[in-house]
Amino acid sequence: MVPSQNRKQITAEYSFTAIFNFFFEMTPFVHKSYFFKNFQMMIKELSSE
């Protein structure tokens, strides 16, 4: 069985992926690399907690 903590983590990752994909499609190409860097930093902060 998957621990509830782990299940929440997986759900959060799927949510972030969905949100990221949405914004990635909506963002002009110029801003994509900048946005992606910020997104990666945000993920690192969340996963380090």
PDB file of N, CA and C in Angstrom:
ATOM      1  N   MET A   1       0.831  -1.217   0.000  1.00  0.00           N
ATOM      2  CA  MET A   1       0.000   0.000   0.000  1.00  0.00           C
ATOM      3  C   MET A   1       0.859   1.258   0.000  1.00  0.00           C
ATOM      4  N   VAL A   2       0.301   2.318  -0.561  1.00  0.00           N
ATOM      5  CA  VAL A   2       1.002   3.605  -0.603  1.00  0.00           C
ATOM      6  C   VAL A   2       0.603   4.420   0.626  1.00  0.00           C
ATOM      7  N   PRO A   3       1.571   4.897   1.404  1.00  0.00           N
ATOM      8  CA  PRO A   3       1.244   5.756   2.553  1.00  0.00           C
ATOM      9  C   PRO A   3       0.475   6.999   2.117  1.00  0.00           C
ATOM     10  N   SER A   4      -0.406   7.482   2.987  1.00  0.00           N
ATOM     11  CA  SER A   4      -1.254   8.631   2.629  1.00  0.00           C
ATOM     12  C   SER A   4      -0.408   9.861   2.300  1.00  0.00           C
ATOM     13  N   GLN A   5       0.713  10.022   3.004  1.00  0.00           N
ATOM     14  CA  GLN A   5       1.631  11.144   2.737  1.00  0.00           C
ATOM     15  C   GLN A   5       2.136  11.072   1.293  1.00  0.00           C
ATOM     16  N   ASN A   6       2.526   9.863   0.900  1.00  0.00           N
ATOM     17  CA  ASN A   6       3.038   9.651  -0.445  1.00  0.00           C
ATOM     18  C   ASN A   6       1.954   9.899  -1.489  1.00  0.00           C
ATOM     19  N   ARG A   7       0.740   9.468  -1.178  1.00  0.00           N
ATOM     20  CA  ARG A   7      -0.377   9.648  -2.107  1.00  0.00           C
ATOM     21  C   ARG A   7      -0.656  11.135  -2.316  1.00  0.00           C
ATOM     22  N   LYS A   8      -0.614  11.901  -1.233  1.00  0.00           N
ATOM     23  CA  LYS A   8      -0.806  13.355  -1.335  1.00  0.00           C
ATOM     24  C   LYS A   8       0.285  13.973  -2.210  1.00  0.00           C
ATOM     25  N   GLN A   9       1.516  13.525  -2.001  1.00  0.00           N
ATOM     26  CA  GLN A   9       2.657  14.031  -2.776  1.00  0.00           C
ATOM     27  C   GLN A   9       2.432  13.792  -4.270  1.00  0.00           C
ATOM     28  N   ILE A  10       2.008  12.576  -4.611  1.00  0.00           N
ATOM     29  CA  ILE A  10       1.760  12.220  -6.014  1.00  0.00           C
ATOM     30  C   ILE A  10       0.637  13.082  -6.591  1.00  0.00           C
ATOM     31  N   THR A  11      -0.444  13.248  -5.830  1.00  0.00           N
ATOM     32  CA  THR A  11      -1.572  14.073  -6.276  1.00  0.00           C
ATOM     33  C   THR A  11      -1.124  15.503  -6.524  1.00  0.00           C
ATOM     34  N   ALA A  12      -0.304  16.028  -5.614  1.00  0.00           N
ATOM     35  CA  ALA A  12       0.212  17.389  -5.749  1.00  0.00           C
ATOM     36  C   ALA A  12       1.048  17.519  -7.020  1.00  0.00           C
ATOM     37  N   GLU A  13       1.879  16.515  -7.284  1.00  0.00           N
ATOM     38  CA  GLU A  13       2.726  16.550  -8.480  1.00  0.00           C
ATOM     39  C   GLU A  13       1.886  16.551  -9.757  1.00  0.00           C
ATOM     40  N   TYR A  14       0.826  15.729  -9.776  1.00  0.00           N
ATOM     41  CA  TYR A  14      -0.058  15.712 -10.944  1.00  0.00           C
ATOM     42  C   TYR A  14      -0.743  17.060 -11.131  1.00  0.00           C
ATOM     43  N   SER A  15      -1.178  17.669 -10.022  1.00  0.00           N
ATOM     44  CA  SER A  15      -1.839  18.977 -10.087  1.00  0.00           C
ATOM     45  C   SER A  15      -0.890  20.025 -10.644  1.00  0.00           C
ATOM     46  N   PHE A  16       0.347  20.028 -10.128  1.00  0.00           N
ATOM     47  CA  PHE A  16       1.335  20.999 -10.595  1.00  0.00           C
ATOM     48  C   PHE A  16       1.647  20.794 -12.071  1.00  0.00           C
ATOM     49  N   THR A  17       1.728  19.530 -12.480  1.00  0.00           N
ATOM     50  CA  THR A  17       1.987  19.239 -13.890  1.00  0.00           C
ATOM     51  C   THR A  17       0.868  19.790 -14.765  1.00  0.00           C
ATOM     52  N   ALA A  18      -0.374  19.596 -14.327  1.00  0.00           N
ATOM     53  CA  ALA A  18      -1.528  20.082 -15.085  1.00  0.00           C
ATOM     54  C   ALA A  18      -1.524  21.604 -15.170  1.00  0.00           C
ATOM     55  N   ILE A  19      -1.270  22.254 -14.021  1.00  0.00           N
ATOM     56  CA  ILE A  19      -1.214  23.722 -13.989  1.00  0.00           C
ATOM     57  C   ILE A  19      -0.075  24.223 -14.868  1.00  0.00           C
ATOM     58  N   PHE A  20       1.092  23.573 -14.726  1.00  0.00           N
ATOM     59  CA  PHE A  20       2.259  23.972 -15.514  1.00  0.00           C
ATOM     60  C   PHE A  20       1.973  23.853 -17.011  1.00  0.00           C
ATOM     61  N   ASN A  21       1.394  22.729 -17.419  1.00  0.00           N
ATOM     62  CA  ASN A  21       1.078  22.524 -18.834  1.00  0.00           C
ATOM     63  C   ASN A  21       0.120  23.588 -19.347  1.00  0.00           C
ATOM     64  N   PHE A  22      -0.881  23.938 -18.526  1.00  0.00           N
ATOM     65  CA  PHE A  22      -1.839  24.974 -18.905  1.00  0.00           C
ATOM     66  C   PHE A  22      -1.131  26.308 -19.141  1.00  0.00           C
ATOM     67  N   PHE A  23      -0.325  26.728 -18.157  1.00  0.00           N
ATOM     68  CA  PHE A  23       0.378  28.008 -18.287  1.00  0.00           C
ATOM     69  C   PHE A  23       1.397  27.966 -19.420  1.00  0.00           C
ATOM     70  N   PHE A  24       2.039  26.809 -19.582  1.00  0.00           N
ATOM     71  CA  PHE A  24       3.047  26.667 -20.631  1.00  0.00           C
ATOM     72  C   PHE A  24       2.425  26.902 -22.005  1.00  0.00           C
ATOM     73  N   GLU A  25       1.198  26.398 -22.197  1.00  0.00           N
ATOM     74  CA  GLU A  25       0.493  26.596 -23.467  1.00  0.00           C
ATOM     75  C   GLU A  25       0.065  28.052 -23.644  1.00  0.00           C
ATOM     76  N   MET A  26      -0.289  28.714 -22.546  1.00  0.00           N
ATOM     77  CA  MET A  26      -0.821  30.070 -22.617  1.00  0.00           C
ATOM     78  C   MET A  26       0.270  31.141 -22.682  1.00  0.00           C
ATOM     79  N   THR A  27       1.492  30.763 -22.288  1.00  0.00           N
ATOM     80  CA  THR A  27       2.574  31.746 -22.198  1.00  0.00           C
ATOM     81  C   THR A  27       3.288  31.899 -23.539  1.00  0.00           C
ATOM     82  N   PRO A  28       3.581  33.136 -23.940  1.00  0.00           N
ATOM     83  CA  PRO A  28       4.384  33.357 -25.150  1.00  0.00           C
ATOM     84  C   PRO A  28       5.741  32.661 -25.034  1.00  0.00           C
ATOM     85  N   PHE A  29       6.279  32.260 -26.149  1.00  0.00           N
ATOM     86  CA  PHE A  29       7.524  31.482 -26.180  1.00  0.00           C
ATOM     87  C   PHE A  29       8.665  32.181 -25.445  1.00  0.00           C
ATOM     88  N   VAL A  30       8.719  33.499 -25.543  1.00  0.00           N
ATOM     89  CA  VAL A  30       9.808  34.281 -24.937  1.00  0.00           C
ATOM     90  C   VAL A  30       9.861  34.061 -23.428  1.00  0.00           C
ATOM     91  N   HIS A  31       8.693  33.921 -22.812  1.00  0.00           N
ATOM     92  CA  HIS A  31       8.620  33.845 -21.355  1.00  0.00           C
ATOM     93  C   HIS A  31       8.760  32.414 -20.836  1.00  0.00           C
ATOM     94  N   LYS A  32       8.741  31.439 -21.724  1.00  0.00           N
ATOM     95  CA  LYS A  32       8.680  30.042 -21.289  1.00  0.00           C
ATOM     96  C   LYS A  32       9.889  29.632 -20.452  1.00  0.00           C
ATOM     97  N   SER A  33      11.099  29.970 -20.887  1.00  0.00           N
ATOM     98  CA  SER A  33      12.280  29.533 -20.144  1.00  0.00           C
ATOM     99  C   SER A  33      12.332  30.193 -18.769  1.00  0.00           C
ATOM    100  N   TYR A  34      11.948  31.469 -18.702  1.00  0.00           N
ATOM    101  CA  TYR A  34      11.915  32.188 -17.423  1.00  0.00           C
ATOM    102  C   TYR A  34      10.896  31.557 -16.485  1.00  0.00           C
ATOM    103  N   PHE A  35       9.717  31.290 -17.013  1.00  0.00           N
ATOM    104  CA  PHE A  35       8.646  30.678 -16.227  1.00  0.00           C
ATOM    105  C   PHE A  35       9.059  29.290 -15.742  1.00  0.00           C
ATOM    106  N   PHE A  36       9.706  28.545 -16.623  1.00  0.00           N
ATOM    107  CA  PHE A  36      10.120  27.182 -16.290  1.00  0.00           C
ATOM    108  C   PHE A  36      11.119  27.176 -15.141  1.00  0.00           C
ATOM    109  N   LYS A  37      12.068  28.130 -15.153  1.00  0.00           N
ATOM    110  CA  LYS A  37      13.049  28.235 -14.066  1.00  0.00           C
ATOM    111  C   LYS A  37      12.348  28.510 -12.741  1.00  0.00           C
ATOM    112  N   ASN A  38      11.424  29.461 -12.747  1.00  0.00           N
ATOM    113  CA  ASN A  38      10.671  29.785 -11.529  1.00  0.00           C
ATOM    114  C   ASN A  38       9.884  28.577 -11.052  1.00  0.00           C
ATOM    115  N   PHE A  39       9.293  27.854 -11.994  1.00  0.00           N
ATOM    116  CA  PHE A  39       8.489  26.678 -11.668  1.00  0.00           C
ATOM    117  C   PHE A  39       9.355  25.601 -11.012  1.00  0.00           C
ATOM    118  N   GLN A  40      10.545  25.371 -11.567  1.00  0.00           N
ATOM    119  CA  GLN A  40      11.457  24.375 -10.999  1.00  0.00           C
ATOM    120  C   GLN A  40      11.866  24.753  -9.581  1.00  0.00           C
ATOM    121  N   MET A  41      12.139  26.046  -9.351  1.00  0.00           N
ATOM    122  CA  MET A  41      12.513  26.512  -8.022  1.00  0.00           C
ATOM    123  C   MET A  41      11.365  26.313  -7.034  1.00  0.00           C
ATOM    124  N   MET A  42      10.148  26.591  -7.482  1.00  0.00           N
ATOM    125  CA  MET A  42       8.966  26.411  -6.645  1.00  0.00           C
ATOM    126  C   MET A  42       8.809  24.933  -6.252  1.00  0.00           C
ATOM    127  N   ILE A  43       8.991  24.039  -7.210  1.00  0.00           N
ATOM    128  CA  ILE A  43       8.886  22.602  -6.951  1.00  0.00           C
ATOM    129  C   ILE A  43       9.941  22.161  -5.936  1.00  0.00           C
ATOM    130  N   LYS A  44      11.174  22.663  -6.094  1.00  0.00           N
ATOM    131  CA  LYS A  44      12.246  22.305  -5.156  1.00  0.00           C
ATOM    132  C   LYS A  44      11.894  22.744  -3.742  1.00  0.00           C
ATOM    133  N   GLU A  45      11.375  23.957  -3.600  1.00  0.00           N
ATOM    134  CA  GLU A  45      10.984  24.461  -2.280  1.00  0.00           C
ATOM    135  C   GLU A  45       9.900  23.584  -1.666  1.00  0.00           C
ATOM    136  N   LEU A  46       8.897  23.229  -2.468  1.00  0.00           N
ATOM    137  CA  LEU A  46       7.782  22.425  -1.963  1.00  0.00           C
ATOM    138  C   LEU A  46       8.236  21.016  -1.583  1.00  0.00           C
ATOM    139  N   SER A  47       9.103  20.437  -2.378  1.00  0.00           N
ATOM    140  CA  SER A  47       9.529  19.061  -2.110  1.00  0.00           C
ATOM    141  C   SER A  47      10.541  18.989  -0.968  1.00  0.00           C
ATOM    142  N   SER A  48      11.177  20.111  -0.627  1.00  0.00           N
ATOM    143  CA  SER A  48      12.146  20.113   0.475  1.00  0.00           C
ATOM    144  C   SER A  48      11.468  20.247   1.836  1.00  0.00           C
ATOM    145  N   GLU A  49      10.190  20.662   1.838  1.00  0.00           N
ATOM    146  CA  GLU A  49       9.468  20.831   3.113  1.00  0.00           C
ATOM    147  C   GLU A  49       9.198  19.486   3.782  1.00  0.00           C
TER     148      GLU A  49
END
